[in-house]
Amino acid sequence: RLAMILAVLEARCGLSFSSAEVYLNIAGGYRVQDPAADMAAAAAL
């Protein structure tokens, strides 16, 4: 899901992550499976 969001940000929004390391974490050890988290992850990125 992270790879998909990065691809959409590059292809549709003109942002470049190809030369950067990307780390994403859900605080507290919680695991998210909700597809509604796409926009929140994009906002954090």
All heavy atoms as atom14 arrays in JSON, in Angstrom:
{
  "sequence": "RLAMILAVLEARCGLSFSSAEVYLNIAGGYRVQDPAADMAAAAAL",
  "atom14_mask": [
    [1, 1, 1, 1, 1, 1, 1, 1, 1, 1, 1, 0, 0, 0],
    [1, 1, 1, 1, 1, 1, 1, 1, 0, 0, 0, 0, 0, 0],
    [1, 1, 1, 1, 1, 0, 0, 0, 0, 0, 0, 0, 0, 0],
    [1, 1, 1, 1, 1, 1, 1, 1, 0, 0, 0, 0, 0, 0],
    [1, 1, 1, 1, 1, 1, 1, 1, 0, 0, 0, 0, 0, 0],
    [1, 1, 1, 1, 1, 1, 1, 1, 0, 0, 0, 0, 0, 0],
    [1, 1, 1, 1, 1, 0, 0, 0, 0, 0, 0, 0, 0, 0],
    [1, 1, 1, 1, 1, 1, 1, 0, 0, 0, 0, 0, 0, 0],
    [1, 1, 1, 1, 1, 1, 1, 1, 0, 0, 0, 0, 0, 0],
    [1, 1, 1, 1, 1, 1, 1, 1, 1, 0, 0, 0, 0, 0],
    [1, 1, 1, 1, 1, 0, 0, 0, 0, 0, 0, 0, 0, 0],
    [1, 1, 1, 1, 1, 1, 1, 1, 1, 1, 1, 0, 0, 0],
    [1, 1, 1, 1, 1, 1, 0, 0, 0, 0, 0, 0, 0, 0],
    [1, 1, 1, 1, 0, 0, 0, 0, 0, 0, 0, 0, 0, 0],
    [1, 1, 1, 1, 1, 1, 1, 1, 0, 0, 0, 0, 0, 0],
    [1, 1, 1, 1, 1, 1, 0, 0, 0, 0, 0, 0, 0, 0],
    [1, 1, 1, 1, 1, 1, 1, 1, 1, 1, 1, 0, 0, 0],
    [1, 1, 1, 1, 1, 1, 0, 0, 0, 0, 0, 0, 0, 0],
    [1, 1, 1, 1, 1, 1, 0, 0, 0, 0, 0, 0, 0, 0],
    [1, 1, 1, 1, 1, 0, 0, 0, 0, 0, 0, 0, 0, 0],
    [1, 1, 1, 1, 1, 1, 1, 1, 1, 0, 0, 0, 0, 0],
    [1, 1, 1, 1, 1, 1, 1, 0, 0, 0, 0, 0, 0, 0],
    [1, 1, 1, 1, 1, 1, 1, 1, 1, 1, 1, 1, 0, 0],
    [1, 1, 1, 1, 1, 1, 1, 1, 0, 0, 0, 0, 0, 0],
    [1, 1, 1, 1, 1, 1, 1, 1, 0, 0, 0, 0, 0, 0],
    [1, 1, 1, 1, 1, 1, 1, 1, 0, 0, 0, 0, 0, 0],
    [1, 1, 1, 1, 1, 0, 0, 0, 0, 0, 0, 0, 0, 0],
    [1, 1, 1, 1, 0, 0, 0, 0, 0, 0, 0, 0, 0, 0],
    [1, 1, 1, 1, 0, 0, 0, 0, 0, 0, 0, 0, 0, 0],
    [1, 1, 1, 1, 1, 1, 1, 1, 1, 1, 1, 1, 0, 0],
    [1, 1, 1, 1, 1, 1, 1, 1, 1, 1, 1, 0, 0, 0],
    [1, 1, 1, 1, 1, 1, 1, 0, 0, 0, 0, 0, 0, 0],
    [1, 1, 1, 1, 1, 1, 1, 1, 1, 0, 0, 0, 0, 0],
    [1, 1, 1, 1, 1, 1, 1, 1, 0, 0, 0, 0, 0, 0],
    [1, 1, 1, 1, 1, 1, 1, 0, 0, 0, 0, 0, 0, 0],
    [1, 1, 1, 1, 1, 0, 0, 0, 0, 0, 0, 0, 0, 0],
    [1, 1, 1, 1, 1, 0, 0, 0, 0, 0, 0, 0, 0, 0],
    [1, 1, 1, 1, 1, 1, 1, 1, 0, 0, 0, 0, 0, 0],
    [1, 1, 1, 1, 1, 1, 1, 1, 0, 0, 0, 0, 0, 0],
    [1, 1, 1, 1, 1, 0, 0, 0, 0, 0, 0, 0, 0, 0],
    [1, 1, 1, 1, 1, 0, 0, 0, 0, 0, 0, 0, 0, 0],
    [1, 1, 1, 1, 1, 0, 0, 0, 0, 0, 0, 0, 0, 0],
    [1, 1, 1, 1, 1, 0, 0, 0, 0, 0, 0, 0, 0, 0],
    [1, 1, 1, 1, 1, 0, 0, 0, 0, 0, 0, 0, 0, 0],
    [1, 1, 1, 1, 1, 1, 1, 1, 0, 0, 0, 0, 0, 0]
  ],
  "atom14_positions": [
    [[0.83, -1.2, 0.0], [0.0, 0.0, 0.0], [0.88, 1.26, 0.0], [0.56, 2.26, -0.65], [-0.89, -0.02, 1.24], [-2.16, 0.81, 1.14], [-3.24, 0.08, 0.4], [-4.43, 0.91, 0.26], [-5.49, 0.55, -0.44], [-5.5, -0.61, -1.08], [-6.54, 1.34, -0.55], [0.0, 0.0, 0.0], [0.0, 0.0, 0.0], [0.0, 0.0, 0.0]],
    [[1.97, 1.23, 0.73], [2.9, 2.36, 0.74], [3.48, 2.59, -0.64], [3.58, 3.74, -1.11], [4.0, 2.12, 1.76], [5.14, 3.15, 1.76], [4.62, 4.53, 2.11], [6.25, 2.73, 2.71], [0.0, 0.0, 0.0], [0.0, 0.0, 0.0], [0.0, 0.0, 0.0], [0.0, 0.0, 0.0], [0.0, 0.0, 0.0], [0.0, 0.0, 0.0]],
    [[3.89, 1.51, -1.31], [4.44, 1.64, -2.66], [3.42, 2.24, -3.61], [3.76, 3.05, -4.48], [4.92, 0.28, -3.15], [0.0, 0.0, 0.0], [0.0, 0.0, 0.0], [0.0, 0.0, 0.0], [0.0, 0.0, 0.0], [0.0, 0.0, 0.0], [0.0, 0.0, 0.0], [0.0, 0.0, 0.0], [0.0, 0.0, 0.0], [0.0, 0.0, 0.0]],
    [[2.15, 1.88, -3.46], [1.1, 2.42, -4.32], [0.91, 3.9, -4.08], [0.79, 4.7, -5.04], [-0.2, 1.67, -4.07], [-1.31, 2.02, -5.04], [-2.95, 1.57, -4.44], [-3.24, 2.89, -3.25], [0.0, 0.0, 0.0], [0.0, 0.0, 0.0], [0.0, 0.0, 0.0], [0.0, 0.0, 0.0], [0.0, 0.0, 0.0], [0.0, 0.0, 0.0]],
    [[0.87, 4.33, -2.82], [0.69, 5.75, -2.51], [1.86, 6.56, -3.05], [1.68, 7.67, -3.62], [0.54, 5.95, -1.0], [-0.74, 5.27, -0.5], [0.51, 7.43, -0.64], [-2.01, 5.8, -1.11], [0.0, 0.0, 0.0], [0.0, 0.0, 0.0], [0.0, 0.0, 0.0], [0.0, 0.0, 0.0], [0.0, 0.0, 0.0], [0.0, 0.0, 0.0]],
    [[3.09, 6.05, -2.91], [4.25, 6.76, -3.44], [4.17, 6.89, -4.96], [4.52, 7.94, -5.53], [5.53, 6.03, -3.04], [5.9, 6.07, -1.54], [7.12, 5.2, -1.27], [6.16, 7.51, -1.1], [0.0, 0.0, 0.0], [0.0, 0.0, 0.0], [0.0, 0.0, 0.0], [0.0, 0.0, 0.0], [0.0, 0.0, 0.0], [0.0, 0.0, 0.0]],
    [[3.71, 5.83, -5.62], [3.58, 5.88, -7.08], [2.53, 6.9, -7.51], [2.74, 7.64, -8.49], [3.22, 4.49, -7.61], [0.0, 0.0, 0.0], [0.0, 0.0, 0.0], [0.0, 0.0, 0.0], [0.0, 0.0, 0.0], [0.0, 0.0, 0.0], [0.0, 0.0, 0.0], [0.0, 0.0, 0.0], [0.0, 0.0, 0.0], [0.0, 0.0, 0.0]],
    [[1.4, 6.96, -6.81], [0.36, 7.94, -7.15], [0.86, 9.35, -6.9], [0.6, 10.27, -7.7], [-0.92, 7.65, -6.34], [-1.96, 8.74, -6.58], [-1.5, 6.29, -6.72], [0.0, 0.0, 0.0], [0.0, 0.0, 0.0], [0.0, 0.0, 0.0], [0.0, 0.0, 0.0], [0.0, 0.0, 0.0], [0.0, 0.0, 0.0], [0.0, 0.0, 0.0]],
    [[1.6, 9.59, -5.83], [2.14, 10.92, -5.54], [3.13, 11.36, -6.62], [3.19, 12.55, -6.97], [2.82, 10.93, -4.17], [1.9, 10.89, -2.94], [2.71, 10.72, -1.67], [1.06, 12.17, -2.86], [0.0, 0.0, 0.0], [0.0, 0.0, 0.0], [0.0, 0.0, 0.0], [0.0, 0.0, 0.0], [0.0, 0.0, 0.0], [0.0, 0.0, 0.0]],
    [[3.88, 10.42, -7.16], [4.83, 10.77, -8.21], [4.14, 10.95, -9.55], [4.4, 11.92, -10.28], [5.92, 9.69, -8.31], [6.83, 9.63, -7.1], [8.19, 9.03, -7.44], [8.52, 8.94, -8.64], [8.93, 8.69, -6.51], [0.0, 0.0, 0.0], [0.0, 0.0, 0.0], [0.0, 0.0, 0.0], [0.0, 0.0, 0.0], [0.0, 0.0, 0.0]],
    [[3.23, 10.03, -9.91], [2.62, 10.06, -11.24], [1.53, 11.11, -11.36], [1.36, 11.72, -12.42], [2.06, 8.68, -11.57], [0.0, 0.0, 0.0], [0.0, 0.0, 0.0], [0.0, 0.0, 0.0], [0.0, 0.0, 0.0], [0.0, 0.0, 0.0], [0.0, 0.0, 0.0], [0.0, 0.0, 0.0], [0.0, 0.0, 0.0], [0.0, 0.0, 0.0]],
    [[0.75, 11.34, -10.3], [-0.41, 12.24, -10.39], [-0.19, 13.6, -9.74], [-0.94, 14.53, -10.04], [-1.62, 11.57, -9.71], [-1.92, 10.16, -10.19], [-2.37, 10.12, -11.62], [-2.74, 8.76, -12.03], [-3.06, 8.43, -13.28], [-3.07, 9.35, -14.24], [-3.36, 7.18, -13.58], [0.0, 0.0, 0.0], [0.0, 0.0, 0.0], [0.0, 0.0, 0.0]],
    [[0.78, 13.69, -8.85], [0.93, 14.94, -8.09], [2.27, 15.63, -8.32], [2.5, 16.71, -7.75], [0.77, 14.67, -6.59], [-0.78, 13.83, -6.17], [0.0, 0.0, 0.0], [0.0, 0.0, 0.0], [0.0, 0.0, 0.0], [0.0, 0.0, 0.0], [0.0, 0.0, 0.0], [0.0, 0.0, 0.0], [0.0, 0.0, 0.0], [0.0, 0.0, 0.0]],
    [[3.16, 15.02, -9.09], [4.42, 15.67, -9.44], [5.45, 15.69, -8.34], [6.41, 16.47, -8.41], [0.0, 0.0, 0.0], [0.0, 0.0, 0.0], [0.0, 0.0, 0.0], [0.0, 0.0, 0.0], [0.0, 0.0, 0.0], [0.0, 0.0, 0.0], [0.0, 0.0, 0.0], [0.0, 0.0, 0.0], [0.0, 0.0, 0.0], [0.0, 0.0, 0.0]],
    [[5.31, 14.87, -7.33], [6.3, 14.8, -6.26], [7.28, 13.68, -6.55], [6.92, 12.65, -7.13], [5.62, 14.56, -4.9], [4.62, 15.62, -4.46], [4.04, 15.25, -3.1], [5.26, 17.0, -4.39], [0.0, 0.0, 0.0], [0.0, 0.0, 0.0], [0.0, 0.0, 0.0], [0.0, 0.0, 0.0], [0.0, 0.0, 0.0], [0.0, 0.0, 0.0]],
    [[8.53, 13.86, -6.16], [9.57, 12.88, -6.44], [10.09, 12.27, -5.15], [10.61, 12.99, -4.27], [10.72, 13.55, -7.21], [11.77, 12.62, -7.42], [0.0, 0.0, 0.0], [0.0, 0.0, 0.0], [0.0, 0.0, 0.0], [0.0, 0.0, 0.0], [0.0, 0.0, 0.0], [0.0, 0.0, 0.0], [0.0, 0.0, 0.0], [0.0, 0.0, 0.0]],
    [[9.95, 10.96, -5.04], [10.51, 10.2, -3.91], [11.57, 9.21, -4.38], [12.05, 8.4, -3.59], [9.4, 9.42, -3.19], [8.4, 10.28, -2.47], [7.29, 10.76, -3.13], [8.58, 10.62, -1.15], [6.35, 11.54, -2.47], [7.66, 11.4, -0.47], [6.54, 11.88, -1.15], [0.0, 0.0, 0.0], [0.0, 0.0, 0.0], [0.0, 0.0, 0.0]],
    [[11.94, 9.26, -5.66], [12.83, 8.25, -6.22], [14.23, 8.32, -5.65], [14.95, 7.32, -5.62], [12.88, 8.38, -7.74], [13.32, 9.68, -8.11], [0.0, 0.0, 0.0], [0.0, 0.0, 0.0], [0.0, 0.0, 0.0], [0.0, 0.0, 0.0], [0.0, 0.0, 0.0], [0.0, 0.0, 0.0], [0.0, 0.0, 0.0], [0.0, 0.0, 0.0]],
    [[14.66, 9.49, -5.19], [16.01, 9.64, -4.65], [16.01, 9.82, -3.14], [16.94, 10.41, -2.59], [16.69, 10.85, -5.31], [15.97, 12.03, -5.05], [0.0, 0.0, 0.0], [0.0, 0.0, 0.0], [0.0, 0.0, 0.0], [0.0, 0.0, 0.0], [0.0, 0.0, 0.0], [0.0, 0.0, 0.0], [0.0, 0.0, 0.0], [0.0, 0.0, 0.0]],
    [[14.96, 9.34, -2.49], [14.86, 9.52, -1.04], [14.45, 8.22, -0.38], [13.69, 7.42, -0.95], [13.85, 10.62, -0.71], [0.0, 0.0, 0.0], [0.0, 0.0, 0.0], [0.0, 0.0, 0.0], [0.0, 0.0, 0.0], [0.0, 0.0, 0.0], [0.0, 0.0, 0.0], [0.0, 0.0, 0.0], [0.0, 0.0, 0.0], [0.0, 0.0, 0.0]],
    [[14.97, 8.0, 0.81], [14.51, 6.89, 1.63], [13.22, 7.28, 2.32], [13.07, 8.42, 2.78], [15.57, 6.51, 2.67], [16.79, 5.83, 2.09], [17.73, 5.33, 3.16], [17.63, 5.83, 4.3], [18.56, 4.44, 2.87], [0.0, 0.0, 0.0], [0.0, 0.0, 0.0], [0.0, 0.0, 0.0], [0.0, 0.0, 0.0], [0.0, 0.0, 0.0]],
    [[12.28, 6.33, 2.41], [10.97, 6.6, 2.98], [10.72, 5.61, 4.12], [10.85, 4.39, 3.93], [9.85, 6.49, 1.94], [8.49, 6.7, 2.59], [10.07, 7.52, 0.83], [0.0, 0.0, 0.0], [0.0, 0.0, 0.0], [0.0, 0.0, 0.0], [0.0, 0.0, 0.0], [0.0, 0.0, 0.0], [0.0, 0.0, 0.0], [0.0, 0.0, 0.0]],
    [[10.37, 6.14, 5.28], [10.04, 5.32, 6.44], [8.64, 5.71, 6.92], [8.34, 6.89, 7.04], [11.05, 5.52, 7.57], [12.48, 5.21, 7.18], [13.3, 6.2, 6.65], [12.99, 3.93, 7.34], [14.61, 5.92, 6.27], [14.3, 3.63, 6.98], [15.1, 4.62, 6.44], [16.38, 4.33, 6.08], [0.0, 0.0, 0.0], [0.0, 0.0, 0.0]],
    [[7.81, 4.7, 7.19], [6.45, 4.95, 7.67], [6.19, 4.08, 8.89], [6.53, 2.88, 8.89], [5.42, 4.63, 6.58], [4.0, 5.12, 6.85], [3.91, 6.63, 6.63], [3.0, 4.42, 5.93], [0.0, 0.0, 0.0], [0.0, 0.0, 0.0], [0.0, 0.0, 0.0], [0.0, 0.0, 0.0], [0.0, 0.0, 0.0], [0.0, 0.0, 0.0]],
    [[5.6, 4.67, 9.92], [5.37, 3.94, 11.17], [4.01, 4.31, 11.74], [3.59, 5.47, 11.68], [6.47, 4.28, 12.19], [6.22, 3.65, 13.53], [6.04, 2.44, 13.63], [6.19, 4.45, 14.58], [0.0, 0.0, 0.0], [0.0, 0.0, 0.0], [0.0, 0.0, 0.0], [0.0, 0.0, 0.0], [0.0, 0.0, 0.0], [0.0, 0.0, 0.0]],
    [[3.31, 3.3, 12.29], [2.08, 3.51, 13.04], [2.45, 3.53, 14.51], [2.96, 2.54, 15.05], [1.04, 2.42, 12.76], [0.83, 2.27, 11.24], [-0.27, 2.76, 13.44], [0.32, 3.5, 10.55], [0.0, 0.0, 0.0], [0.0, 0.0, 0.0], [0.0, 0.0, 0.0], [0.0, 0.0, 0.0], [0.0, 0.0, 0.0], [0.0, 0.0, 0.0]],
    [[2.23, 4.66, 15.18], [2.68, 4.83, 16.57], [1.97, 3.85, 17.5], [0.81, 3.49, 17.29], [2.42, 6.27, 17.03], [0.0, 0.0, 0.0], [0.0, 0.0, 0.0], [0.0, 0.0, 0.0], [0.0, 0.0, 0.0], [0.0, 0.0, 0.0], [0.0, 0.0, 0.0], [0.0, 0.0, 0.0], [0.0, 0.0, 0.0], [0.0, 0.0, 0.0]],
    [[2.69, 3.41, 18.52], [2.12, 2.55, 19.54], [2.1, 1.07, 19.2], [1.55, 0.28, 19.95], [0.0, 0.0, 0.0], [0.0, 0.0, 0.0], [0.0, 0.0, 0.0], [0.0, 0.0, 0.0], [0.0, 0.0, 0.0], [0.0, 0.0, 0.0], [0.0, 0.0, 0.0], [0.0, 0.0, 0.0], [0.0, 0.0, 0.0], [0.0, 0.0, 0.0]],
    [[2.68, 0.67, 18.06], [2.66, -0.73, 17.68], [1.34, -1.2, 17.11], [1.13, -2.4, 16.93], [0.0, 0.0, 0.0], [0.0, 0.0, 0.0], [0.0, 0.0, 0.0], [0.0, 0.0, 0.0], [0.0, 0.0, 0.0], [0.0, 0.0, 0.0], [0.0, 0.0, 0.0], [0.0, 0.0, 0.0], [0.0, 0.0, 0.0], [0.0, 0.0, 0.0]],
    [[0.44, -0.27, 16.81], [-0.86, -0.63, 16.24], [-0.68, -1.01, 14.78], [0.18, -0.47, 14.09], [-1.82, 0.55, 16.38], [-3.26, 0.26, 16.07], [-4.07, -0.37, 17.0], [-3.81, 0.61, 14.85], [-5.4, -0.63, 16.72], [-5.13, 0.35, 14.57], [-5.93, -0.27, 15.5], [-7.24, -0.53, 15.22], [0.0, 0.0, 0.0], [0.0, 0.0, 0.0]],
    [[-1.51, -1.94, 14.29], [-1.46, -2.34, 12.88], [-2.75, -1.9, 12.2], [-3.84, -2.27, 12.64], [-1.26, -3.85, 12.75], [-1.23, -4.28, 11.27], [-0.56, -5.62, 11.06], [-0.45, -5.91, 9.64], [0.52, -5.51, 8.86], [1.49, -4.77, 9.37], [0.56, -5.81, 7.59], [0.0, 0.0, 0.0], [0.0, 0.0, 0.0], [0.0, 0.0, 0.0]],
    [[-2.62, -1.14, 11.13], [-3.75, -0.59, 10.41], [-3.97, -1.39, 9.13], [-3.04, -1.61, 8.35], [-3.52, 0.9, 10.07], [-4.63, 1.43, 9.18], [-3.42, 1.72, 11.34], [0.0, 0.0, 0.0], [0.0, 0.0, 0.0], [0.0, 0.0, 0.0], [0.0, 0.0, 0.0], [0.0, 0.0, 0.0], [0.0, 0.0, 0.0], [0.0, 0.0, 0.0]],
    [[-5.23, -1.82, 8.93], [-5.62, -2.51, 7.7], [-6.75, -1.78, 6.98], [-7.25, -2.26, 5.97], [-6.06, -3.94, 8.03], [-4.97, -4.79, 8.66], [-5.46, -6.17, 9.06], [-6.65, -6.4, 9.15], [-4.52, -7.07, 9.3], [0.0, 0.0, 0.0], [0.0, 0.0, 0.0], [0.0, 0.0, 0.0], [0.0, 0.0, 0.0], [0.0, 0.0, 0.0]],
    [[-7.15, -0.65, 7.5], [-8.25, 0.12, 6.94], [-7.78, 0.87, 5.69], [-6.8, 1.61, 5.73], [-8.72, 1.12, 8.01], [-10.05, 1.76, 7.66], [-10.46, 1.68, 6.49], [-10.67, 2.35, 8.56], [0.0, 0.0, 0.0], [0.0, 0.0, 0.0], [0.0, 0.0, 0.0], [0.0, 0.0, 0.0], [0.0, 0.0, 0.0], [0.0, 0.0, 0.0]],
    [[-8.46, 0.69, 4.53], [-8.05, 1.44, 3.33], [-8.22, 2.94, 3.46], [-7.65, 3.7, 2.67], [-8.97, 0.86, 2.23], [-10.13, 0.27, 2.97], [-9.59, -0.22, 4.26], [0.0, 0.0, 0.0], [0.0, 0.0, 0.0], [0.0, 0.0, 0.0], [0.0, 0.0, 0.0], [0.0, 0.0, 0.0], [0.0, 0.0, 0.0], [0.0, 0.0, 0.0]],
    [[-8.99, 3.38, 4.45], [-9.17, 4.82, 4.65], [-7.88, 5.49, 5.12], [-7.82, 6.73, 5.18], [-10.28, 5.07, 5.66], [0.0, 0.0, 0.0], [0.0, 0.0, 0.0], [0.0, 0.0, 0.0], [0.0, 0.0, 0.0], [0.0, 0.0, 0.0], [0.0, 0.0, 0.0], [0.0, 0.0, 0.0], [0.0, 0.0, 0.0], [0.0, 0.0, 0.0]],
    [[-6.85, 4.74, 5.44], [-5.59, 5.32, 5.9], [-4.75, 5.87, 4.76], [-3.71, 6.49, 5.0], [-4.79, 4.28, 6.68], [0.0, 0.0, 0.0], [0.0, 0.0, 0.0], [0.0, 0.0, 0.0], [0.0, 0.0, 0.0], [0.0, 0.0, 0.0], [0.0, 0.0, 0.0], [0.0, 0.0, 0.0], [0.0, 0.0, 0.0], [0.0, 0.0, 0.0]],
    [[-5.18, 5.68, 3.5], [-4.38, 6.14, 2.36], [-4.11, 7.63, 2.43], [-3.0, 8.1, 2.25], [-5.1, 5.8, 1.05], [-5.16, 4.31, 0.79], [-4.49, 3.56, 1.52], [-5.87, 3.9, -0.14], [0.0, 0.0, 0.0], [0.0, 0.0, 0.0], [0.0, 0.0, 0.0], [0.0, 0.0, 0.0], [0.0, 0.0, 0.0], [0.0, 0.0, 0.0]],
    [[-5.16, 8.41, 2.67], [-5.02, 9.87, 2.66], [-4.18, 10.35, 3.83], [-3.4, 11.3, 3.69], [-6.4, 10.51, 2.68], [-6.42, 11.97, 2.27], [-8.08, 12.46, 1.82], [-7.86, 14.23, 1.76], [0.0, 0.0, 0.0], [0.0, 0.0, 0.0], [0.0, 0.0, 0.0], [0.0, 0.0, 0.0], [0.0, 0.0, 0.0], [0.0, 0.0, 0.0]],
    [[-4.33, 9.72, 4.99], [-3.53, 10.1, 6.15], [-2.05, 9.78, 5.91], [-1.17, 10.56, 6.27], [-4.04, 9.39, 7.4], [0.0, 0.0, 0.0], [0.0, 0.0, 0.0], [0.0, 0.0, 0.0], [0.0, 0.0, 0.0], [0.0, 0.0, 0.0], [0.0, 0.0, 0.0], [0.0, 0.0, 0.0], [0.0, 0.0, 0.0], [0.0, 0.0, 0.0]],
    [[-1.78, 8.64, 5.29], [-0.39, 8.29, 4.97], [0.18, 9.26, 3.95], [1.35, 9.69, 4.05], [-0.32, 6.86, 4.46], [0.0, 0.0, 0.0], [0.0, 0.0, 0.0], [0.0, 0.0, 0.0], [0.0, 0.0, 0.0], [0.0, 0.0, 0.0], [0.0, 0.0, 0.0], [0.0, 0.0, 0.0], [0.0, 0.0, 0.0], [0.0, 0.0, 0.0]],
    [[-0.63, 9.62, 2.95], [-0.16, 10.59, 1.96], [0.13, 11.94, 2.61], [1.11, 12.62, 2.27], [-1.2, 10.73, 0.86], [0.0, 0.0, 0.0], [0.0, 0.0, 0.0], [0.0, 0.0, 0.0], [0.0, 0.0, 0.0], [0.0, 0.0, 0.0], [0.0, 0.0, 0.0], [0.0, 0.0, 0.0], [0.0, 0.0, 0.0], [0.0, 0.0, 0.0]],
    [[-0.72, 12.36, 3.56], [-0.49, 13.62, 4.26], [0.82, 13.59, 5.04], [1.59, 14.57, 5.04], [-1.65, 13.91, 5.2], [0.0, 0.0, 0.0], [0.0, 0.0, 0.0], [0.0, 0.0, 0.0], [0.0, 0.0, 0.0], [0.0, 0.0, 0.0], [0.0, 0.0, 0.0], [0.0, 0.0, 0.0], [0.0, 0.0, 0.0], [0.0, 0.0, 0.0]],
    [[1.1, 12.46, 5.71], [2.35, 12.35, 6.46], [3.55, 12.37, 5.52], [4.59, 13.0, 5.82], [2.34, 11.06, 7.28], [0.0, 0.0, 0.0], [0.0, 0.0, 0.0], [0.0, 0.0, 0.0], [0.0, 0.0, 0.0], [0.0, 0.0, 0.0], [0.0, 0.0, 0.0], [0.0, 0.0, 0.0], [0.0, 0.0, 0.0], [0.0, 0.0, 0.0]],
    [[3.45, 11.72, 4.36], [4.56, 11.69, 3.41], [4.81, 13.07, 2.81], [5.96, 13.52, 2.7], [4.26, 10.68, 2.3], [4.24, 9.21, 2.72], [3.68, 8.34, 1.6], [5.64, 8.74, 3.1], [0.0, 0.0, 0.0], [0.0, 0.0, 0.0], [0.0, 0.0, 0.0], [0.0, 0.0, 0.0], [0.0, 0.0, 0.0], [0.0, 0.0, 0.0]]
  ]
}
